[in-house]
Amino acid sequence: MDKWTKPLRTVIQVLIALTSAAPILVPALGLSATVGAGAVVLTVSAAASRLMQVPAVEELLQKLNLQSR
């Protein structure tokens, strides 16, 4: 494994955590509410995308005949 893989994954996880806290951070920083809404949408999208990669979810989708082709 590359020596930068783990630190990079940690940085990405921290960024995702910070974007999920956007509704709290945006008003405190004086930014537009649109920025916070966009950050929340991106965070939920990333979480859903990651969830779809879990083998158990893929098995469930196959049982429901909704698997990816």
PDB file of N, CA and C in Angstrom:
ATOM      1  N   MET A   1       0.852  -1.178   0.000  1.00  0.00           N
ATOM      2  CA  MET A   1       0.000   0.000   0.000  1.00  0.00           C
ATOM      3  C   MET A   1       0.899   1.242   0.000  1.00  0.00           C
ATOM      4  N   ASP A   2       0.530   2.204  -0.806  1.00  0.00           N
ATOM      5  CA  ASP A   2       1.271   3.453  -0.898  1.00  0.00           C
ATOM      6  C   ASP A   2       1.245   4.166   0.447  1.00  0.00           C
ATOM      7  N   LYS A   3       2.371   4.814   0.805  1.00  0.00           N
ATOM      8  CA  LYS A   3       2.439   5.473   2.117  1.00  0.00           C
ATOM      9  C   LYS A   3       1.499   6.667   2.222  1.00  0.00           C
ATOM     10  N   TRP A   4       0.984   7.172   1.117  1.00  0.00           N
ATOM     11  CA  TRP A   4       0.075   8.321   1.146  1.00  0.00           C
ATOM     12  C   TRP A   4      -1.393   7.926   1.148  1.00  0.00           C
ATOM     13  N   THR A   5      -1.692   6.648   1.023  1.00  0.00           N
ATOM     14  CA  THR A   5      -3.082   6.211   0.938  1.00  0.00           C
ATOM     15  C   THR A   5      -3.852   6.497   2.222  1.00  0.00           C
ATOM     16  N   LYS A   6      -3.311   6.079   3.352  1.00  0.00           N
ATOM     17  CA  LYS A   6      -4.017   6.285   4.616  1.00  0.00           C
ATOM     18  C   LYS A   6      -4.179   7.762   4.961  1.00  0.00           C
ATOM     19  N   PRO A   7      -3.138   8.590   4.845  1.00  0.00           N
ATOM     20  CA  PRO A   7      -3.338  10.013   5.132  1.00  0.00           C
ATOM     21  C   PRO A   7      -4.350  10.674   4.196  1.00  0.00           C
ATOM     22  N   LEU A   8      -4.328  10.294   2.923  1.00  0.00           N
ATOM     23  CA  LEU A   8      -5.280  10.863   1.972  1.00  0.00           C
ATOM     24  C   LEU A   8      -6.707  10.477   2.328  1.00  0.00           C
ATOM     25  N   ARG A   9      -6.911   9.216   2.694  1.00  0.00           N
ATOM     26  CA  ARG A   9      -8.246   8.778   3.114  1.00  0.00           C
ATOM     27  C   ARG A   9      -8.705   9.538   4.353  1.00  0.00           C
ATOM     28  N   THR A  10      -7.797   9.780   5.279  1.00  0.00           N
ATOM     29  CA  THR A  10      -8.140  10.527   6.489  1.00  0.00           C
ATOM     30  C   THR A  10      -8.547  11.953   6.143  1.00  0.00           C
ATOM     31  N   VAL A  11      -7.805  12.585   5.251  1.00  0.00           N
ATOM     32  CA  VAL A  11      -8.140  13.955   4.837  1.00  0.00           C
ATOM     33  C   VAL A  11      -9.526  13.987   4.186  1.00  0.00           C
ATOM     34  N   ILE A  12      -9.821  13.028   3.336  1.00  0.00           N
ATOM     35  CA  ILE A  12     -11.134  12.970   2.681  1.00  0.00           C
ATOM     36  C   ILE A  12     -12.235  12.772   3.711  1.00  0.00           C
ATOM     37  N   GLN A  13     -12.021  11.910   4.691  1.00  0.00           N
ATOM     38  CA  GLN A  13     -13.020  11.677   5.723  1.00  0.00           C
ATOM     39  C   GLN A  13     -13.259  12.931   6.552  1.00  0.00           C
ATOM     40  N   VAL A  14     -12.201  13.669   6.850  1.00  0.00           N
ATOM     41  CA  VAL A  14     -12.353  14.915   7.609  1.00  0.00           C
ATOM     42  C   VAL A  14     -13.127  15.940   6.788  1.00  0.00           C
ATOM     43  N   LEU A  15     -12.827  16.037   5.494  1.00  0.00           N
ATOM     44  CA  LEU A  15     -13.562  16.970   4.634  1.00  0.00           C
ATOM     45  C   LEU A  15     -15.045  16.623   4.560  1.00  0.00           C
ATOM     46  N   ILE A  16     -15.350  15.343   4.471  1.00  0.00           N
ATOM     47  CA  ILE A  16     -16.756  14.923   4.457  1.00  0.00           C
ATOM     48  C   ILE A  16     -17.426  15.278   5.774  1.00  0.00           C
ATOM     49  N   ALA A  17     -16.728  15.061   6.873  1.00  0.00           N
ATOM     50  CA  ALA A  17     -17.289  15.419   8.184  1.00  0.00           C
ATOM     51  C   ALA A  17     -17.540  16.921   8.286  1.00  0.00           C
ATOM     52  N   LEU A  18     -16.611  17.716   7.773  1.00  0.00           N
ATOM     53  CA  LEU A  18     -16.792  19.168   7.818  1.00  0.00           C
ATOM     54  C   LEU A  18     -17.951  19.624   6.939  1.00  0.00           C
ATOM     55  N   THR A  19     -18.120  18.996   5.772  1.00  0.00           N
ATOM     56  CA  THR A  19     -19.250  19.391   4.930  1.00  0.00           C
ATOM     57  C   THR A  19     -20.579  18.982   5.541  1.00  0.00           C
ATOM     58  N   SER A  20     -20.579  17.895   6.301  1.00  0.00           N
ATOM     59  CA  SER A  20     -21.830  17.518   6.963  1.00  0.00           C
ATOM     60  C   SER A  20     -22.164  18.488   8.088  1.00  0.00           C
ATOM     61  N   ALA A  21     -21.163  19.219   8.576  1.00  0.00           N
ATOM     62  CA  ALA A  21     -21.393  20.235   9.606  1.00  0.00           C
ATOM     63  C   ALA A  21     -21.661  21.608   8.991  1.00  0.00           C
ATOM     64  N   ALA A  22     -21.801  21.665   7.684  1.00  0.00           N
ATOM     65  CA  ALA A  22     -21.992  22.933   6.976  1.00  0.00           C
ATOM     66  C   ALA A  22     -23.169  23.758   7.489  1.00  0.00           C
ATOM     67  N   PRO A  23     -24.315  23.149   7.814  1.00  0.00           N
ATOM     68  CA  PRO A  23     -25.419  23.984   8.303  1.00  0.00           C
ATOM     69  C   PRO A  23     -25.062  24.769   9.566  1.00  0.00           C
ATOM     70  N   ILE A  24     -24.117  24.283  10.319  1.00  0.00           N
ATOM     71  CA  ILE A  24     -23.675  25.000  11.522  1.00  0.00           C
ATOM     72  C   ILE A  24     -22.572  25.992  11.175  1.00  0.00           C
ATOM     73  N   LEU A  25     -21.649  25.565  10.314  1.00  0.00           N
ATOM     74  CA  LEU A  25     -20.489  26.388   9.990  1.00  0.00           C
ATOM     75  C   LEU A  25     -20.801  27.570   9.079  1.00  0.00           C
ATOM     76  N   VAL A  26     -21.718  27.388   8.129  1.00  0.00           N
ATOM     77  CA  VAL A  26     -21.992  28.430   7.138  1.00  0.00           C
ATOM     78  C   VAL A  26     -22.470  29.725   7.776  1.00  0.00           C
ATOM     79  N   PRO A  27     -23.481  29.696   8.646  1.00  0.00           N
ATOM     80  CA  PRO A  27     -23.895  30.962   9.269  1.00  0.00           C
ATOM     81  C   PRO A  27     -22.797  31.576  10.143  1.00  0.00           C
ATOM     82  N   ALA A  28     -22.025  30.731  10.801  1.00  0.00           N
ATOM     83  CA  ALA A  28     -20.961  31.231  11.660  1.00  0.00           C
ATOM     84  C   ALA A  28     -19.873  31.945  10.857  1.00  0.00           C
ATOM     85  N   LEU A  29     -19.673  31.510   9.621  1.00  0.00           N
ATOM     86  CA  LEU A  29     -18.672  32.140   8.763  1.00  0.00           C
ATOM     87  C   LEU A  29     -19.243  33.275   7.930  1.00  0.00           C
ATOM     88  N   GLY A  30     -20.559  33.466   8.007  1.00  0.00           N
ATOM     89  CA  GLY A  30     -21.206  34.543   7.270  1.00  0.00           C
ATOM     90  C   GLY A  30     -21.364  34.267   5.791  1.00  0.00           C
ATOM     91  N   LEU A  31     -21.406  33.003   5.409  1.00  0.00           N
ATOM     92  CA  LEU A  31     -21.572  32.640   4.001  1.00  0.00           C
ATOM     93  C   LEU A  31     -23.052  32.491   3.651  1.00  0.00           C
ATOM     94  N   SER A  32     -23.329  32.425   2.372  1.00  0.00           N
ATOM     95  CA  SER A  32     -24.696  32.252   1.884  1.00  0.00           C
ATOM     96  C   SER A  32     -25.237  30.876   2.284  1.00  0.00           C
ATOM     97  N   ALA A  33     -26.532  30.806   2.513  1.00  0.00           N
ATOM     98  CA  ALA A  33     -27.165  29.531   2.868  1.00  0.00           C
ATOM     99  C   ALA A  33     -27.072  28.535   1.722  1.00  0.00           C
ATOM    100  N   THR A  34     -26.936  29.024   0.504  1.00  0.00           N
ATOM    101  CA  THR A  34     -26.813  28.138  -0.650  1.00  0.00           C
ATOM    102  C   THR A  34     -25.559  27.281  -0.554  1.00  0.00           C
ATOM    103  N   VAL A  35     -24.500  27.837  -0.018  1.00  0.00           N
ATOM    104  CA  VAL A  35     -23.251  27.083   0.157  1.00  0.00           C
ATOM    105  C   VAL A  35     -23.492  25.919   1.112  1.00  0.00           C
ATOM    106  N   GLY A  36     -24.203  26.172   2.191  1.00  0.00           N
ATOM    107  CA  GLY A  36     -24.499  25.111   3.160  1.00  0.00           C
ATOM    108  C   GLY A  36     -25.365  24.022   2.568  1.00  0.00           C
ATOM    109  N   ALA A  37     -26.370  24.422   1.803  1.00  0.00           N
ATOM    110  CA  ALA A  37     -27.258  23.438   1.173  1.00  0.00           C
ATOM    111  C   ALA A  37     -26.484  22.587   0.173  1.00  0.00           C
ATOM    112  N   GLY A  38     -25.610  23.218  -0.586  1.00  0.00           N
ATOM    113  CA  GLY A  38     -24.796  22.471  -1.551  1.00  0.00           C
ATOM    114  C   GLY A  38     -23.875  21.486  -0.865  1.00  0.00           C
ATOM    115  N   ALA A  39     -23.299  21.894   0.249  1.00  0.00           N
ATOM    116  CA  ALA A  39     -22.406  21.004   0.992  1.00  0.00           C
ATOM    117  C   ALA A  39     -23.164  19.803   1.543  1.00  0.00           C
ATOM    118  N   VAL A  40     -24.367  20.039   2.020  1.00  0.00           N
ATOM    119  CA  VAL A  40     -25.177  18.931   2.552  1.00  0.00           C
ATOM    120  C   VAL A  40     -25.537  17.960   1.429  1.00  0.00           C
ATOM    121  N   VAL A  41     -25.932  18.481   0.273  1.00  0.00           N
ATOM    122  CA  VAL A  41     -26.273  17.616  -0.859  1.00  0.00           C
ATOM    123  C   VAL A  41     -25.068  16.777  -1.272  1.00  0.00           C
ATOM    124  N   LEU A  42     -23.902  17.391  -1.337  1.00  0.00           N
ATOM    125  CA  LEU A  42     -22.694  16.640  -1.697  1.00  0.00           C
ATOM    126  C   LEU A  42     -22.358  15.567  -0.676  1.00  0.00           C
ATOM    127  N   THR A  43     -22.543  15.876   0.597  1.00  0.00           N
ATOM    128  CA  THR A  43     -22.247  14.907   1.649  1.00  0.00           C
ATOM    129  C   THR A  43     -23.190  13.714   1.580  1.00  0.00           C
ATOM    130  N   VAL A  44     -24.465  13.976   1.411  1.00  0.00           N
ATOM    131  CA  VAL A  44     -25.449  12.888   1.323  1.00  0.00           C
ATOM    132  C   VAL A  44     -25.191  12.055   0.072  1.00  0.00           C
ATOM    133  N   SER A  45     -24.857  12.708  -1.018  1.00  0.00           N
ATOM    134  CA  SER A  45     -24.553  12.009  -2.258  1.00  0.00           C
ATOM    135  C   SER A  45     -23.335  11.104  -2.097  1.00  0.00           C
ATOM    136  N   ALA A  46     -22.306  11.612  -1.454  1.00  0.00           N
ATOM    137  CA  ALA A  46     -21.095  10.809  -1.227  1.00  0.00           C
ATOM    138  C   ALA A  46     -21.394   9.615  -0.326  1.00  0.00           C
ATOM    139  N   ALA A  47     -22.197   9.839   0.701  1.00  0.00           N
ATOM    140  CA  ALA A  47     -22.545   8.740   1.612  1.00  0.00           C
ATOM    141  C   ALA A  47     -23.363   7.676   0.890  1.00  0.00           C
ATOM    142  N   ALA A  48     -24.319   8.095   0.078  1.00  0.00           N
ATOM    143  CA  ALA A  48     -25.144   7.133  -0.657  1.00  0.00           C
ATOM    144  C   ALA A  48     -24.300   6.366  -1.665  1.00  0.00           C
ATOM    145  N   SER A  49     -23.396   7.062  -2.320  1.00  0.00           N
ATOM    146  CA  SER A  49     -22.516   6.412  -3.286  1.00  0.00           C
ATOM    147  C   SER A  49     -21.650   5.363  -2.607  1.00  0.00           C
ATOM    148  N   ARG A  50     -21.122   5.697  -1.459  1.00  0.00           N
ATOM    149  CA  ARG A  50     -20.289   4.744  -0.707  1.00  0.00           C
ATOM    150  C   ARG A  50     -21.119   3.566  -0.215  1.00  0.00           C
ATOM    151  N   LEU A  51     -22.315   3.829   0.223  1.00  0.00           N
ATOM    152  CA  LEU A  51     -23.193   2.766   0.716  1.00  0.00           C
ATOM    153  C   LEU A  51     -23.506   1.766  -0.385  1.00  0.00           C
ATOM    154  N   MET A  52     -23.655   2.241  -1.598  1.00  0.00           N
ATOM    155  CA  MET A  52     -23.971   1.345  -2.708  1.00  0.00           C
ATOM    156  C   MET A  52     -22.818   0.405  -3.037  1.00  0.00           C
ATOM    157  N   GLN A  53     -21.618   0.679  -2.531  1.00  0.00           N
ATOM    158  CA  GLN A  53     -20.464  -0.174  -2.788  1.00  0.00           C
ATOM    159  C   GLN A  53     -20.344  -1.317  -1.780  1.00  0.00           C
ATOM    160  N   VAL A  54     -21.155  -1.296  -0.751  1.00  0.00           N
ATOM    161  CA  VAL A  54     -21.104  -2.340   0.272  1.00  0.00           C
ATOM    162  C   VAL A  54     -21.691  -3.624  -0.315  1.00  0.00           C
ATOM    163  N   PRO A  55     -20.987  -4.745  -0.203  1.00  0.00           N
ATOM    164  CA  PRO A  55     -21.480  -6.000  -0.783  1.00  0.00           C
ATOM    165  C   PRO A  55     -22.874  -6.399  -0.283  1.00  0.00           C
ATOM    166  N   ALA A  56     -23.171  -6.148   0.972  1.00  0.00           N
ATOM    167  CA  ALA A  56     -24.488  -6.520   1.501  1.00  0.00           C
ATOM    168  C   ALA A  56     -25.601  -5.730   0.813  1.00  0.00           C
ATOM    169  N   VAL A  57     -25.341  -4.485   0.480  1.00  0.00           N
ATOM    170  CA  VAL A  57     -26.342  -3.680  -0.222  1.00  0.00           C
ATOM    171  C   VAL A  57     -26.545  -4.220  -1.632  1.00  0.00           C
ATOM    172  N   GLU A  58     -25.455  -4.589  -2.293  1.00  0.00           N
ATOM    173  CA  GLU A  58     -25.563  -5.155  -3.636  1.00  0.00           C
ATOM    174  C   GLU A  58     -26.359  -6.461  -3.602  1.00  0.00           C
ATOM    175  N   GLU A  59     -26.143  -7.277  -2.584  1.00  0.00           N
ATOM    176  CA  GLU A  59     -26.908  -8.526  -2.447  1.00  0.00           C
ATOM    177  C   GLU A  59     -28.392  -8.237  -2.238  1.00  0.00           C
ATOM    178  N   LEU A  60     -28.688  -7.241  -1.408  1.00  0.00           N
ATOM    179  CA  LEU A  60     -30.076  -6.857  -1.181  1.00  0.00           C
ATOM    180  C   LEU A  60     -30.715  -6.369  -2.478  1.00  0.00           C
ATOM    181  N   LEU A  61     -30.007  -5.577  -3.243  1.00  0.00           N
ATOM    182  CA  LEU A  61     -30.533  -5.085  -4.511  1.00  0.00           C
ATOM    183  C   LEU A  61     -30.778  -6.231  -5.488  1.00  0.00           C
ATOM    184  N   GLN A  62     -29.909  -7.235  -5.454  1.00  0.00           N
ATOM    185  CA  GLN A  62     -30.108  -8.396  -6.318  1.00  0.00           C
ATOM    186  C   GLN A  62     -31.362  -9.161  -5.908  1.00  0.00           C
ATOM    187  N   LYS A  63     -31.585  -9.300  -4.603  1.00  0.00           N
ATOM    188  CA  LYS A  63     -32.790  -9.986  -4.116  1.00  0.00           C
ATOM    189  C   LYS A  63     -34.053  -9.236  -4.521  1.00  0.00           C
ATOM    190  N   LEU A  64     -33.958  -7.918  -4.589  1.00  0.00           N
ATOM    191  CA  LEU A  64     -35.104  -7.095  -4.981  1.00  0.00           C
ATOM    192  C   LEU A  64     -35.175  -6.889  -6.494  1.00  0.00           C
ATOM    193  N   ASN A  65     -34.250  -7.560  -7.205  1.00  0.00           N
ATOM    194  CA  ASN A  65     -34.152  -7.467  -8.659  1.00  0.00           C
ATOM    195  C   ASN A  65     -33.893  -6.022  -9.109  1.00  0.00           C
ATOM    196  N   LEU A  66     -33.045  -5.326  -8.376  1.00  0.00           N
ATOM    197  CA  LEU A  66     -32.678  -3.949  -8.691  1.00  0.00           C
ATOM    198  C   LEU A  66     -31.169  -3.787  -8.866  1.00  0.00           C
ATOM    199  N   GLN A  67     -30.488  -4.898  -9.140  1.00  0.00           N
ATOM    200  CA  GLN A  67     -29.040  -4.851  -9.240  1.00  0.00           C
ATOM    201  C   GLN A  67     -28.591  -4.011 -10.417  1.00  0.00           C
ATOM    202  N   SER A  68     -27.354  -3.531 -10.337  1.00  0.00           N
ATOM    203  CA  SER A  68     -26.784  -2.782 -11.456  1.00  0.00           C
ATOM    204  C   SER A  68     -26.418  -3.752 -12.561  1.00  0.00           C
ATOM    205  N   ARG A  69     -26.449  -3.311 -13.760  1.00  0.00           N
ATOM    206  CA  ARG A  69     -26.185  -4.206 -14.897  1.00  0.00           C
ATOM    207  C   ARG A  69     -24.937  -3.817 -15.589  1.00  0.00           C
TER     208      ARG A  69
END
